[in-house]
C-alpha atoms as a PDB file:
ATOM      1  CA  MET A   1     129.919 157.803  48.078  1.00  0.00           C
ATOM      2  CA  THR A   2     131.684 161.056  48.914  1.00  0.00           C
ATOM      3  CA  PHE A   3     131.108 164.421  47.218  1.00  0.00           C
ATOM      4  CA  THR A   4     130.167 168.062  47.813  1.00  0.00           C
ATOM      5  CA  ALA A   5     126.982 169.638  46.471  1.00  0.00           C
ATOM      6  CA  ILE A   6     127.205 173.330  45.610  1.00  0.00           C
ATOM      7  CA  ASP A   7     124.703 176.057  44.838  1.00  0.00           C
ATOM      8  CA  PHE A   8     125.011 179.774  44.166  1.00  0.00           C
ATOM      9  CA  GLU A   9     122.513 182.595  44.319  1.00  0.00           C
ATOM     10  CA  THR A  10     123.601 185.576  42.265  1.00  0.00           C
ATOM     11  CA  ALA A  11     123.259 189.322  42.665  1.00  0.00           C
ATOM     12  CA  HIS A  12     123.767 189.906  38.960  1.00  0.00           C
ATOM     13  CA  SER A  13     125.057 187.775  36.121  1.00  0.00           C
ATOM     14  CA  ASN A  14     128.022 185.777  37.514  1.00  0.00           C
ATOM     15  CA  PHE A  15     128.376 187.749  40.759  1.00  0.00           C
ATOM     16  CA  PRO A  16     127.393 185.513  43.692  1.00  0.00           C
ATOM     17  CA  CYS A  17     125.634 186.829  46.768  1.00  0.00           C
ATOM     18  CA  GLU A  18     125.300 183.455  48.498  1.00  0.00           C
ATOM     19  CA  ILE A  19     126.993 180.062  48.320  1.00  0.00           C
ATOM     20  CA  GLY A  20     125.715 176.827  49.787  1.00  0.00           C
ATOM     21  CA  LEU A  21     127.759 173.664  50.244  1.00  0.00           C
ATOM     22  CA  SER A  22     126.628 170.260  51.421  1.00  0.00           C
ATOM     23  CA  ARG A  23     129.200 167.563  52.172  1.00  0.00           C
ATOM     24  CA  VAL A  24     128.352 163.902  51.667  1.00  0.00           C
ATOM     25  CA  THR A  25     130.663 161.368  53.305  1.00  0.00           C
ATOM     26  CA  GLU A  26     130.177 157.628  52.888  1.00  0.00           C
ATOM     27  CA  GLY A  27     126.666 158.118  51.517  1.00  0.00           C
ATOM     28  CA  LYS A  28     125.371 160.477  54.224  1.00  0.00           C
ATOM     29  CA  VAL A  29     124.938 164.247  54.305  1.00  0.00           C
ATOM     30  CA  THR A  30     127.374 165.155  57.070  1.00  0.00           C
ATOM     31  CA  GLU A  31     127.440 168.947  56.883  1.00  0.00           C
ATOM     32  CA  SER A  32     125.569 171.722  55.106  1.00  0.00           C
ATOM     33  CA  LYS A  33     126.507 175.380  55.273  1.00  0.00           C
ATOM     34  CA  SER A  34     125.820 178.642  53.519  1.00  0.00           C
ATOM     35  CA  TRP A  35     127.504 182.027  53.439  1.00  0.00           C
ATOM     36  CA  LEU A  36     126.172 185.364  52.290  1.00  0.00           C
ATOM     37  CA  ILE A  37     128.654 187.082  49.998  1.00  0.00           C
ATOM     38  CA  LYS A  38     129.120 190.778  49.372  1.00  0.00           C
ATOM     39  CA  PRO A  39     129.077 190.620  45.559  1.00  0.00           C
ATOM     40  CA  ALA A  40     131.706 192.297  43.415  1.00  0.00           C
ATOM     41  CA  CYS A  41     128.909 194.361  41.830  1.00  0.00           C
ATOM     42  CA  PHE A  42     127.836 195.734  45.261  1.00  0.00           C
ATOM     43  CA  PRO A  43     125.709 197.746  45.838  1.00  0.00           C
ATOM     44  CA  TYR A  44     123.970 196.770  42.600  1.00  0.00           C
ATOM     45  CA  MET A  45     121.609 193.804  42.820  1.00  0.00           C
ATOM     46  CA  ASN A  46     119.506 192.787  39.842  1.00  0.00           C
ATOM     47  CA  PRO A  47     115.876 193.310  40.936  1.00  0.00           C
ATOM     48  CA  TRP A  48     114.754 190.113  39.193  1.00  0.00           C
ATOM     49  CA  ASN A  49     117.385 188.060  41.049  1.00  0.00           C
ATOM     50  CA  GLN A  50     116.345 189.672  44.340  1.00  0.00           C
ATOM     51  CA  ARG A  51     112.721 188.649  43.740  1.00  0.00           C
ATOM     52  CA  VAL A  52     113.818 185.063  43.103  1.00  0.00           C
ATOM     53  CA  HIS A  53     116.046 184.524  46.159  1.00  0.00           C
ATOM     54  CA  GLY A  54     114.964 187.347  48.468  1.00  0.00           C
ATOM     55  CA  ILE A  55     118.521 188.413  49.302  1.00  0.00           C
ATOM     56  CA  SER A  56     118.750 192.204  49.506  1.00  0.00           C
ATOM     57  CA  VAL A  57     121.536 194.776  49.420  1.00  0.00           C
ATOM     58  CA  SER A  58     121.191 195.230  53.180  1.00  0.00           C
ATOM     59  CA  ASP A  59     121.516 191.451  53.708  1.00  0.00           C
ATOM     60  CA  VAL A  60     124.970 191.407  52.070  1.00  0.00           C
ATOM     61  CA  SER A  61     126.248 194.861  53.057  1.00  0.00           C
ATOM     62  CA  GLU A  62     128.255 193.480  56.013  1.00  0.00           C
ATOM     63  CA  ALA A  63     129.082 190.109  54.410  1.00  0.00           C
ATOM     64  CA  ASN A  64     132.579 189.103  53.354  1.00  0.00           C
ATOM     65  CA  THR A  65     133.556 189.180  49.706  1.00  0.00           C
ATOM     66  CA  PHE A  66     134.246 185.859  47.995  1.00  0.00           C
ATOM     67  CA  ASP A  67     138.012 186.289  48.201  1.00  0.00           C
ATOM     68  CA  GLU A  68     137.733 186.967  51.948  1.00  0.00           C
ATOM     69  CA  LEU A  69     135.739 183.726  52.351  1.00  0.00           C
ATOM     70  CA  TRP A  70     137.960 181.635  50.083  1.00  0.00           C
ATOM     71  CA  GLY A  71     140.217 180.365  52.888  1.00  0.00           C
ATOM     72  CA  GLU A  72     137.167 178.855  54.599  1.00  0.00           C
ATOM     73  CA  LEU A  73     135.564 177.613  51.371  1.00  0.00           C
ATOM     74  CA  LYS A  74     138.601 176.121  49.631  1.00  0.00           C
ATOM     75  CA  PRO A  75     138.802 172.899  51.731  1.00  0.00           C
ATOM     76  CA  TRP A  76     135.294 172.003  50.508  1.00  0.00           C
ATOM     77  CA  PHE A  77     136.648 171.937  46.926  1.00  0.00           C
ATOM     78  CA  ASP A  78     140.174 170.533  46.967  1.00  0.00           C
ATOM     79  CA  ASP A  79     140.398 167.036  45.495  1.00  0.00           C
ATOM     80  CA  ASN A  80     136.676 166.536  45.887  1.00  0.00           C
ATOM     81  CA  ILE A  81     133.923 165.777  43.405  1.00  0.00           C
ATOM     82  CA  LEU A  82     131.347 168.554  43.082  1.00  0.00           C
ATOM     83  CA  VAL A  83     127.736 168.257  42.018  1.00  0.00           C
ATOM     84  CA  ALA A  84     125.204 170.967  41.264  1.00  0.00           C
ATOM     85  CA  HIS A  85     121.670 171.024  39.963  1.00  0.00           C
ATOM     86  CA  ASN A  86     122.231 172.704  36.594  1.00  0.00           C
ATOM     87  CA  ALA A  87     125.990 172.455  37.020  1.00  0.00           C
ATOM     88  CA  SER A  88     126.803 174.562  33.958  1.00  0.00           C
ATOM     89  CA  PHE A  89     125.404 177.622  35.776  1.00  0.00           C
ATOM     90  CA  ASP A  90     127.104 177.010  39.128  1.00  0.00           C
ATOM     91  CA  MET A  91     130.458 176.056  37.599  1.00  0.00           C
ATOM     92  CA  ARG A  92     130.364 179.178  35.394  1.00  0.00           C
ATOM     93  CA  VAL A  93     129.724 181.334  38.478  1.00  0.00           C
ATOM     94  CA  LEU A  94     132.510 179.563  40.384  1.00  0.00           C
ATOM     95  CA  ARG A  95     135.051 179.853  37.545  1.00  0.00           C
ATOM     96  CA  SER A  96     134.258 183.497  36.810  1.00  0.00           C
ATOM     97  CA  THR A  97     134.402 184.438  40.510  1.00  0.00           C
ATOM     98  CA  LEU A  98     137.745 182.712  40.986  1.00  0.00           C
ATOM     99  CA  GLU A  99     139.068 184.469  37.880  1.00  0.00           C
ATOM    100  CA  TYR A 100     137.686 187.846  39.021  1.00  0.00           C
ATOM    101  CA  TYR A 101     139.587 187.575  42.314  1.00  0.00           C
ATOM    102  CA  ASP A 102     142.627 185.948  40.668  1.00  0.00           C
ATOM    103  CA  LEU A 103     142.259 182.791  42.773  1.00  0.00           C
ATOM    104  CA  ALA A 104     143.548 179.429  41.544  1.00  0.00           C
ATOM    105  CA  ILE A 105     140.917 177.044  40.242  1.00  0.00           C
ATOM    106  CA  PRO A 106     140.876 174.005  42.547  1.00  0.00           C
ATOM    107  CA  HIS A 107     141.658 170.504  41.282  1.00  0.00           C
ATOM    108  CA  THR A 108     138.180 169.046  41.189  1.00  0.00           C
ATOM    109  CA  ASP A 109     135.761 167.261  38.906  1.00  0.00           C
ATOM    110  CA  TYR A 110     132.017 167.766  38.782  1.00  0.00           C
ATOM    111  CA  PHE A 111     128.768 166.402  37.434  1.00  0.00           C
ATOM    112  CA  CYS A 112     125.198 167.636  37.094  1.00  0.00           C
ATOM    113  CA  SER A 113     122.296 166.308  39.164  1.00  0.00           C
ATOM    114  CA  VAL A 114     119.805 167.492  36.505  1.00  0.00           C
ATOM    115  CA  ASN A 115     121.417 165.083  34.033  1.00  0.00           C
ATOM    116  CA  VAL A 116     121.375 162.316  36.656  1.00  0.00           C
ATOM    117  CA  SER A 117     117.689 162.890  37.441  1.00  0.00           C
ATOM    118  CA  ARG A 118     116.775 162.908  33.724  1.00  0.00           C
ATOM    119  CA  LYS A 119     118.350 159.463  33.355  1.00  0.00           C
ATOM    120  CA  VAL A 120     116.896 157.968  36.540  1.00  0.00           C
ATOM    121  CA  TRP A 121     113.398 159.465  36.591  1.00  0.00           C
ATOM    122  CA  LYS A 122     112.640 159.727  32.873  1.00  0.00           C
ATOM    123  CA  HIS A 123     108.889 159.863  33.518  1.00  0.00           C
ATOM    124  CA  LEU A 124     109.010 163.232  35.320  1.00  0.00           C
ATOM    125  CA  PRO A 125     107.735 166.124  33.183  1.00  0.00           C
ATOM    126  CA  SER A 126     110.360 168.442  34.721  1.00  0.00           C
ATOM    127  CA  HIS A 127     113.719 167.846  36.342  1.00  0.00           C
ATOM    128  CA  SER A 128     114.002 171.205  38.090  1.00  0.00           C
ATOM    129  CA  LEU A 129     115.158 171.082  41.688  1.00  0.00           C
ATOM    130  CA  SER A 130     111.661 171.891  42.934  1.00  0.00           C
ATOM    131  CA  ALA A 131     110.016 169.231  40.710  1.00  0.00           C
ATOM    132  CA  VAL A 132     112.419 166.431  41.672  1.00  0.00           C
ATOM    133  CA  SER A 133     112.278 167.355  45.356  1.00  0.00           C
ATOM    134  CA  GLN A 134     108.478 167.443  45.219  1.00  0.00           C
ATOM    135  CA  TYR A 135     108.483 163.961  43.635  1.00  0.00           C
ATOM    136  CA  HIS A 136     110.515 162.747  46.642  1.00  0.00           C
ATOM    137  CA  ASN A 137     108.445 164.699  49.204  1.00  0.00           C
ATOM    138  CA  ILE A 138     111.402 166.860  50.205  1.00  0.00           C
ATOM    139  CA  ASN A 139     110.378 170.223  51.653  1.00  0.00           C
ATOM    140  CA  PHE A 140     112.911 173.047  51.647  1.00  0.00           C
ATOM    141  CA  LYS A 141     113.323 176.809  51.188  1.00  0.00           C
ATOM    142  CA  HIS A 142     114.028 176.959  47.456  1.00  0.00           C
ATOM    143  CA  HIS A 143     116.456 179.568  46.106  1.00  0.00           C
ATOM    144  CA  ARG A 144     118.505 179.734  49.258  1.00  0.00           C
ATOM    145  CA  ALA A 145     121.905 178.298  48.506  1.00  0.00           C
ATOM    146  CA  GLY A 146     122.368 176.123  51.592  1.00  0.00           C
ATOM    147  CA  ALA A 147     118.982 174.446  51.256  1.00  0.00           C
ATOM    148  CA  ASP A 148     119.363 174.000  47.487  1.00  0.00           C
ATOM    149  CA  ALA A 149     122.809 172.387  47.901  1.00  0.00           C
ATOM    150  CA  GLU A 150     121.523 169.985  50.550  1.00  0.00           C
ATOM    151  CA  VAL A 151     118.529 168.957  48.431  1.00  0.00           C
ATOM    152  CA  CYS A 152     120.840 168.453  45.450  1.00  0.00           C
ATOM    153  CA  ALA A 153     122.944 166.094  47.587  1.00  0.00           C
ATOM    154  CA  ILE A 154     119.870 164.166  48.739  1.00  0.00           C
ATOM    155  CA  ILE A 155     118.604 163.812  45.157  1.00  0.00           C
ATOM    156  CA  VAL A 156     121.957 162.399  44.021  1.00  0.00           C
ATOM    157  CA  LEU A 157     121.942 159.896  46.888  1.00  0.00           C
ATOM    158  CA  LYS A 158     118.387 158.815  45.998  1.00  0.00           C
ATOM    159  CA  ALA A 159     119.266 158.513  42.310  1.00  0.00           C
ATOM    160  CA  PHE A 160     122.338 156.378  42.930  1.00  0.00           C
ATOM    161  CA  GLU A 161     120.377 154.229  45.375  1.00  0.00           C
ATOM    162  CA  ALA A 162     117.707 153.730  42.696  1.00  0.00           C
ATOM    163  CA  ILE A 163     120.310 152.331  40.281  1.00  0.00           C
ATOM    164  CA  ASP A 164     122.130 150.294  42.962  1.00  0.00           C
ATOM    165  CA  SER A 165     125.350 152.236  42.793  1.00  0.00           C
ATOM    166  CA  LEU A 166     127.634 152.695  45.765  1.00  0.00           C
ATOM    167  CA  ASN A 167     130.011 155.246  44.246  1.00  0.00           C
ATOM    168  CA  ILE A 168     129.999 158.203  41.877  1.00  0.00           C
ATOM    169  CA  GLU A 169     132.132 156.689  39.131  1.00  0.00           C
ATOM    170  CA  ASP A 170     130.076 153.481  38.929  1.00  0.00           C
ATOM    171  CA  GLY A 171     126.799 155.415  39.016  1.00  0.00           C
ATOM    172  CA  LEU A 172     127.814 157.788  36.258  1.00  0.00           C
ATOM    173  CA  ILE A 173     128.985 154.870  34.073  1.00  0.00           C
ATOM    174  CA  LYS A 174     125.645 153.091  34.589  1.00  0.00           C
ATOM    175  CA  LEU A 175     123.865 156.295  33.515  1.00  0.00           C
ATOM    176  CA  GLY A 176     126.139 156.978  30.548  1.00  0.00           C
ATOM    177  CA  LEU A 177     127.446 160.174  32.110  1.00  0.00           C
ATOM    178  CA  ALA A 178     130.951 161.336  32.942  1.00  0.00           C
ATOM    179  CA  LEU A 179     132.764 163.644  35.318  1.00  0.00           C
ATOM    180  CA  LYS A 180     133.873 166.988  33.910  1.00  0.00           C
ATOM    181  CA  LYS A 181     136.936 169.014  34.911  1.00  0.00           C
ATOM    182  CA  LEU A 182     136.367 172.335  36.632  1.00  0.00           C
END
């Protein structure tokens, strides 16, 4: 079971101000990291977004832009399976950011941990990251990309354990889900 969990916090629309990545190797979280990003819309930050994640203009004023970070980030993506909680959002942010900076879209597939959790824990009234993590007694600082990515990874591992699956492909087949192309 090897994959990378991803999460973005955004300054405005599809402009990221933080990325979190959590690498899972052979069924264990082996590394989690986050980077603040000076968003392309800098210095504008949507006030609503700021209230949600708490990242301010001053927090990102000295940060690298996404294209400056890409050399460090790219190895996390190449030929790897990605997962995100509400993957449609995170993949849209990733695609639009890569396009904005005219960076090649990496060869990777992805799936959504919300869809996985809906199939595995049907009884839960909500499948938000906070609701599923609360169900599993996982405490974390929600709406910070590194913590959110790590919790996403842990939730996927718990879900696949619950259905006795040792790899992504088998688990998704058991759940009636499929990988999507980035």
